[in-house]
Amino acid sequence: MHEGAIVHSLLEIAKDIRIKEDLKEITEVKIIVGKFHQIVEEVMIANFDFMKTEYDGFDNAVLIMTEKNVSVICEDCQHEFTIDEPIFMCPECDSFNTELISGKELYIETIEGLRD
């Protein structure tokens, strides 16, 4: 269950920002997650809600996740397409000469907080 480790890292980063920016409270952490990470949103939020209690200034913090589709480009015909299954065949020219454009991301989009 890698969601717990990810949430721990998110909280540590948000804690460092809270201290650096002299924030009284963190109110929101927004993250972008590519579908290929296979992260379960409910598990992430449950972990966040449980683990945030160990951090000062996170009492009302919420985690917001946005899932990013898996996008691929065909190197032969330059057709861009999205996939739901890990089948990297171009629907235009049937080539397997493809490159992943997005879908493996995992990053913090924003961290919001309140000052005194």
N, C-alpha and C. Protein backbone atom coordinates (compact mmCIF):
# COMPACT_ATOMS: atom_id res chain seq x y z
N MET A 1 0.85 -1.18 0.00
CA MET A 1 0.00 0.00 0.00
C MET A 1 0.89 1.24 0.00
N HIS A 2 1.19 1.77 -1.17
CA HIS A 2 2.10 2.90 -1.30
C HIS A 2 1.42 4.24 -1.03
N GLU A 3 0.10 4.26 -0.89
CA GLU A 3 -0.61 5.50 -0.61
C GLU A 3 -0.14 6.13 0.70
N GLY A 4 0.10 5.31 1.72
CA GLY A 4 0.55 5.83 3.01
C GLY A 4 1.89 6.54 2.90
N ALA A 5 2.82 5.97 2.16
CA ALA A 5 4.14 6.59 1.99
C ALA A 5 4.02 7.90 1.22
N ILE A 6 3.15 7.93 0.22
CA ILE A 6 2.95 9.15 -0.56
C ILE A 6 2.35 10.24 0.32
N VAL A 7 1.34 9.89 1.10
CA VAL A 7 0.70 10.87 1.99
C VAL A 7 1.70 11.40 3.00
N HIS A 8 2.52 10.53 3.55
CA HIS A 8 3.53 10.97 4.51
C HIS A 8 4.45 12.02 3.86
N SER A 9 4.89 11.76 2.64
CA SER A 9 5.75 12.72 1.92
C SER A 9 5.02 14.04 1.67
N LEU A 10 3.74 13.96 1.26
CA LEU A 10 2.96 15.17 1.04
C LEU A 10 2.86 16.01 2.30
N LEU A 11 2.57 15.36 3.41
CA LEU A 11 2.44 16.08 4.68
C LEU A 11 3.76 16.70 5.11
N GLU A 12 4.86 16.00 4.90
CA GLU A 12 6.17 16.55 5.24
C GLU A 12 6.49 17.79 4.40
N ILE A 13 6.18 17.74 3.12
CA ILE A 13 6.41 18.89 2.24
C ILE A 13 5.52 20.05 2.67
N ALA A 14 4.26 19.77 2.92
CA ALA A 14 3.33 20.82 3.34
C ALA A 14 3.75 21.41 4.69
N LYS A 15 4.23 20.57 5.59
CA LYS A 15 4.71 21.06 6.89
C LYS A 15 5.88 22.02 6.69
N ASP A 16 6.83 21.64 5.83
CA ASP A 16 7.98 22.51 5.57
C ASP A 16 7.54 23.84 4.98
N ILE A 17 6.57 23.81 4.09
CA ILE A 17 6.06 25.05 3.50
C ILE A 17 5.34 25.89 4.54
N ARG A 18 4.57 25.24 5.40
CA ARG A 18 3.87 25.96 6.47
C ARG A 18 4.87 26.72 7.34
N ILE A 19 5.96 26.07 7.68
CA ILE A 19 6.99 26.70 8.51
C ILE A 19 7.71 27.80 7.74
N LYS A 20 8.13 27.50 6.53
CA LYS A 20 8.88 28.47 5.71
C LYS A 20 8.07 29.72 5.42
N GLU A 21 6.78 29.54 5.13
CA GLU A 21 5.92 30.67 4.77
C GLU A 21 5.22 31.29 5.99
N ASP A 22 5.55 30.78 7.17
CA ASP A 22 4.98 31.28 8.42
C ASP A 22 3.46 31.24 8.40
N LEU A 23 2.92 30.09 8.01
CA LEU A 23 1.47 29.91 7.96
C LEU A 23 0.98 29.33 9.27
N LYS A 24 -0.17 29.79 9.71
CA LYS A 24 -0.78 29.27 10.93
C LYS A 24 -1.35 27.88 10.68
N GLU A 25 -1.91 27.72 9.49
CA GLU A 25 -2.65 26.50 9.19
C GLU A 25 -2.57 26.18 7.71
N ILE A 26 -2.48 24.90 7.38
CA ILE A 26 -2.63 24.42 6.00
C ILE A 26 -4.10 24.06 5.83
N THR A 27 -4.72 24.56 4.77
CA THR A 27 -6.14 24.30 4.55
C THR A 27 -6.40 23.31 3.42
N GLU A 28 -5.46 23.25 2.46
CA GLU A 28 -5.73 22.42 1.28
C GLU A 28 -4.42 22.01 0.61
N VAL A 29 -4.36 20.75 0.21
CA VAL A 29 -3.25 20.24 -0.58
C VAL A 29 -3.87 19.63 -1.83
N LYS A 30 -3.51 20.19 -3.00
CA LYS A 30 -4.02 19.67 -4.27
C LYS A 30 -2.89 18.94 -4.99
N ILE A 31 -3.19 17.72 -5.43
CA ILE A 31 -2.19 16.95 -6.15
C ILE A 31 -2.75 16.47 -7.49
N ILE A 32 -1.84 16.25 -8.42
CA ILE A 32 -2.14 15.67 -9.73
C ILE A 32 -1.53 14.28 -9.75
N VAL A 33 -2.35 13.29 -10.13
CA VAL A 33 -1.89 11.91 -10.15
C VAL A 33 -2.23 11.29 -11.50
N GLY A 34 -1.24 10.78 -12.20
CA GLY A 34 -1.47 10.06 -13.44
C GLY A 34 -2.12 8.71 -13.18
N LYS A 35 -3.00 8.30 -14.08
CA LYS A 35 -3.74 7.04 -13.91
C LYS A 35 -2.82 5.83 -13.79
N PHE A 36 -1.65 5.87 -14.37
CA PHE A 36 -0.75 4.72 -14.31
C PHE A 36 -0.19 4.48 -12.91
N HIS A 37 -0.35 5.44 -12.02
CA HIS A 37 0.10 5.23 -10.64
C HIS A 37 -0.85 4.30 -9.89
N GLN A 38 -2.05 4.14 -10.39
CA GLN A 38 -3.06 3.25 -9.79
C GLN A 38 -3.25 3.54 -8.30
N ILE A 39 -3.37 4.82 -7.99
CA ILE A 39 -3.61 5.25 -6.62
C ILE A 39 -5.11 5.36 -6.41
N VAL A 40 -5.56 4.80 -5.30
CA VAL A 40 -6.99 4.82 -4.98
C VAL A 40 -7.28 6.09 -4.18
N GLU A 41 -8.13 6.95 -4.75
CA GLU A 41 -8.40 8.24 -4.14
C GLU A 41 -8.94 8.11 -2.71
N GLU A 42 -9.87 7.19 -2.49
CA GLU A 42 -10.45 7.03 -1.16
C GLU A 42 -9.40 6.62 -0.13
N VAL A 43 -8.46 5.79 -0.55
CA VAL A 43 -7.40 5.35 0.36
C VAL A 43 -6.46 6.52 0.66
N MET A 44 -6.15 7.31 -0.36
CA MET A 44 -5.30 8.49 -0.15
C MET A 44 -5.94 9.46 0.84
N ILE A 45 -7.21 9.75 0.64
CA ILE A 45 -7.90 10.71 1.50
C ILE A 45 -8.00 10.16 2.93
N ALA A 46 -8.30 8.88 3.07
CA ALA A 46 -8.39 8.28 4.40
C ALA A 46 -7.03 8.35 5.11
N ASN A 47 -5.96 8.04 4.39
CA ASN A 47 -4.62 8.14 4.96
C ASN A 47 -4.29 9.58 5.35
N PHE A 48 -4.63 10.51 4.47
CA PHE A 48 -4.38 11.93 4.74
C PHE A 48 -5.11 12.37 6.00
N ASP A 49 -6.40 12.04 6.08
CA ASP A 49 -7.20 12.44 7.24
C ASP A 49 -6.68 11.83 8.53
N PHE A 50 -6.18 10.60 8.46
CA PHE A 50 -5.63 9.95 9.64
C PHE A 50 -4.27 10.52 10.02
N MET A 51 -3.39 10.67 9.03
CA MET A 51 -2.01 11.07 9.30
C MET A 51 -1.87 12.55 9.62
N LYS A 52 -2.77 13.38 9.13
CA LYS A 52 -2.65 14.83 9.37
C LYS A 52 -2.78 15.17 10.85
N THR A 53 -3.38 14.29 11.64
CA THR A 53 -3.55 14.56 13.07
C THR A 53 -2.21 14.60 13.80
N GLU A 54 -1.17 14.07 13.19
CA GLU A 54 0.16 14.08 13.79
C GLU A 54 0.92 15.38 13.51
N TYR A 55 0.31 16.28 12.75
CA TYR A 55 0.99 17.52 12.34
C TYR A 55 0.26 18.73 12.89
N ASP A 56 1.04 19.68 13.41
CA ASP A 56 0.47 20.95 13.88
C ASP A 56 0.01 21.77 12.69
N GLY A 57 -1.17 22.38 12.82
CA GLY A 57 -1.67 23.28 11.78
C GLY A 57 -2.34 22.59 10.61
N PHE A 58 -2.76 21.34 10.78
CA PHE A 58 -3.40 20.60 9.70
C PHE A 58 -4.82 20.14 10.07
N ASP A 59 -5.36 20.69 11.15
CA ASP A 59 -6.65 20.22 11.66
C ASP A 59 -7.76 20.24 10.61
N ASN A 60 -7.81 21.30 9.80
CA ASN A 60 -8.88 21.46 8.81
C ASN A 60 -8.41 21.22 7.38
N ALA A 61 -7.21 20.68 7.22
CA ALA A 61 -6.65 20.46 5.89
C ALA A 61 -7.41 19.37 5.14
N VAL A 62 -7.56 19.59 3.85
CA VAL A 62 -8.18 18.59 2.97
C VAL A 62 -7.22 18.27 1.83
N LEU A 63 -7.31 17.04 1.36
CA LEU A 63 -6.54 16.60 0.20
C LEU A 63 -7.47 16.54 -0.99
N ILE A 64 -7.06 17.19 -2.09
CA ILE A 64 -7.84 17.16 -3.32
C ILE A 64 -6.96 16.55 -4.40
N MET A 65 -7.48 15.49 -5.03
CA MET A 65 -6.74 14.79 -6.08
C MET A 65 -7.40 15.01 -7.44
N THR A 66 -6.58 15.25 -8.44
CA THR A 66 -7.04 15.29 -9.82
C THR A 66 -6.29 14.21 -10.58
N GLU A 67 -7.05 13.33 -11.21
CA GLU A 67 -6.44 12.24 -11.96
C GLU A 67 -6.19 12.68 -13.39
N LYS A 68 -5.00 12.38 -13.89
CA LYS A 68 -4.62 12.75 -15.25
C LYS A 68 -4.62 11.50 -16.13
N ASN A 69 -5.27 11.61 -17.29
CA ASN A 69 -5.35 10.49 -18.23
C ASN A 69 -3.98 10.11 -18.77
N VAL A 70 -3.91 8.89 -19.27
CA VAL A 70 -2.69 8.41 -19.91
C VAL A 70 -2.76 8.81 -21.38
N SER A 71 -1.83 9.65 -21.78
CA SER A 71 -1.76 10.12 -23.16
C SER A 71 -0.49 9.59 -23.82
N VAL A 72 -0.64 9.25 -25.08
CA VAL A 72 0.45 8.64 -25.85
C VAL A 72 0.53 9.33 -27.20
N ILE A 73 1.74 9.39 -27.76
CA ILE A 73 1.92 9.90 -29.12
C ILE A 73 2.59 8.81 -29.95
N CYS A 74 2.12 8.67 -31.17
CA CYS A 74 2.72 7.72 -32.10
C CYS A 74 3.92 8.41 -32.76
N GLU A 75 5.06 7.77 -32.67
CA GLU A 75 6.28 8.33 -33.25
C GLU A 75 6.28 8.23 -34.79
N ASP A 76 5.43 7.35 -35.33
CA ASP A 76 5.39 7.19 -36.78
C ASP A 76 4.48 8.20 -37.46
N CYS A 77 3.24 8.34 -36.93
CA CYS A 77 2.29 9.24 -37.60
C CYS A 77 1.95 10.49 -36.78
N GLN A 78 2.53 10.62 -35.59
CA GLN A 78 2.35 11.77 -34.69
C GLN A 78 0.93 11.90 -34.13
N HIS A 79 0.14 10.86 -34.23
CA HIS A 79 -1.22 10.88 -33.67
C HIS A 79 -1.14 10.79 -32.14
N GLU A 80 -1.85 11.70 -31.44
CA GLU A 80 -1.93 11.66 -29.98
C GLU A 80 -3.24 11.03 -29.57
N PHE A 81 -3.18 10.15 -28.57
CA PHE A 81 -4.39 9.46 -28.13
C PHE A 81 -4.27 9.10 -26.65
N THR A 82 -5.40 8.82 -26.02
CA THR A 82 -5.42 8.39 -24.63
C THR A 82 -5.75 6.90 -24.57
N ILE A 83 -5.26 6.26 -23.51
CA ILE A 83 -5.52 4.84 -23.33
C ILE A 83 -6.00 4.57 -21.91
N ASP A 84 -6.79 3.53 -21.76
CA ASP A 84 -7.23 3.08 -20.45
C ASP A 84 -6.51 1.81 -20.02
N GLU A 85 -6.04 1.05 -20.98
CA GLU A 85 -5.30 -0.19 -20.75
C GLU A 85 -3.87 0.02 -21.24
N PRO A 86 -2.91 -0.70 -20.69
CA PRO A 86 -1.52 -0.53 -21.13
C PRO A 86 -1.22 -1.18 -22.47
N ILE A 87 -1.98 -0.77 -23.48
CA ILE A 87 -1.77 -1.25 -24.85
C ILE A 87 -1.39 -0.01 -25.66
N PHE A 88 -0.12 0.04 -26.04
CA PHE A 88 0.43 1.24 -26.65
C PHE A 88 0.43 1.17 -28.18
N MET A 89 -0.64 0.67 -28.76
CA MET A 89 -0.74 0.59 -30.21
C MET A 89 -1.51 1.78 -30.74
N CYS A 90 -0.98 2.44 -31.74
CA CYS A 90 -1.63 3.61 -32.33
C CYS A 90 -2.92 3.19 -33.03
N PRO A 91 -4.04 3.83 -32.72
CA PRO A 91 -5.30 3.48 -33.37
C PRO A 91 -5.39 3.97 -34.81
N GLU A 92 -4.47 4.84 -35.21
CA GLU A 92 -4.47 5.36 -36.58
C GLU A 92 -3.67 4.50 -37.54
N CYS A 93 -2.46 4.10 -37.13
CA CYS A 93 -1.59 3.37 -38.07
C CYS A 93 -1.15 1.99 -37.55
N ASP A 94 -1.66 1.59 -36.39
CA ASP A 94 -1.36 0.29 -35.79
C ASP A 94 0.11 0.11 -35.39
N SER A 95 0.83 1.18 -35.26
CA SER A 95 2.23 1.11 -34.87
C SER A 95 2.35 0.98 -33.35
N PHE A 96 3.38 0.26 -32.92
CA PHE A 96 3.71 0.19 -31.50
C PHE A 96 4.86 1.14 -31.16
N ASN A 97 5.29 1.93 -32.12
CA ASN A 97 6.36 2.91 -31.92
C ASN A 97 5.75 4.16 -31.29
N THR A 98 5.45 4.05 -30.00
CA THR A 98 4.73 5.12 -29.30
C THR A 98 5.53 5.59 -28.09
N GLU A 99 5.16 6.77 -27.59
CA GLU A 99 5.81 7.35 -26.42
C GLU A 99 4.76 7.88 -25.47
N LEU A 100 4.96 7.62 -24.20
CA LEU A 100 4.06 8.11 -23.16
C LEU A 100 4.25 9.61 -22.98
N ILE A 101 3.15 10.37 -23.07
CA ILE A 101 3.20 11.83 -22.88
C ILE A 101 2.81 12.19 -21.45
N SER A 102 1.75 11.56 -20.95
CA SER A 102 1.30 11.82 -19.58
C SER A 102 0.61 10.59 -19.02
N GLY A 103 0.47 10.57 -17.72
CA GLY A 103 -0.19 9.46 -17.07
C GLY A 103 0.61 8.85 -15.94
N LYS A 104 1.89 9.27 -15.81
CA LYS A 104 2.73 8.78 -14.72
C LYS A 104 3.07 9.89 -13.72
N GLU A 105 2.41 11.05 -13.88
CA GLU A 105 2.70 12.18 -13.00
C GLU A 105 2.26 11.89 -11.57
N LEU A 106 2.92 12.55 -10.67
CA LEU A 106 2.51 12.61 -9.28
C LEU A 106 3.20 13.83 -8.69
N TYR A 107 2.45 14.91 -8.57
CA TYR A 107 3.05 16.13 -8.06
C TYR A 107 2.02 16.99 -7.33
N ILE A 108 2.54 17.87 -6.50
CA ILE A 108 1.69 18.82 -5.78
C ILE A 108 1.39 19.98 -6.71
N GLU A 109 0.12 20.26 -6.92
CA GLU A 109 -0.26 21.42 -7.73
C GLU A 109 -0.26 22.68 -6.89
N THR A 110 -0.91 22.65 -5.73
CA THR A 110 -0.90 23.81 -4.83
C THR A 110 -1.02 23.35 -3.38
N ILE A 111 -0.53 24.21 -2.52
CA ILE A 111 -0.73 24.06 -1.07
C ILE A 111 -1.24 25.41 -0.60
N GLU A 112 -2.40 25.39 0.06
CA GLU A 112 -3.01 26.63 0.53
C GLU A 112 -3.03 26.64 2.05
N GLY A 113 -2.89 27.83 2.60
CA GLY A 113 -2.88 27.97 4.05
C GLY A 113 -3.31 29.34 4.49
N LEU A 114 -3.35 29.52 5.80
CA LEU A 114 -3.77 30.78 6.41
C LEU A 114 -2.66 31.33 7.28
N ARG A 115 -2.51 32.64 7.23
CA ARG A 115 -1.58 33.33 8.14
C ARG A 115 -2.35 33.79 9.37
N ASP A 116 -1.64 34.17 10.39
CA ASP A 116 -2.29 34.69 11.61
C ASP A 116 -3.18 35.87 11.33
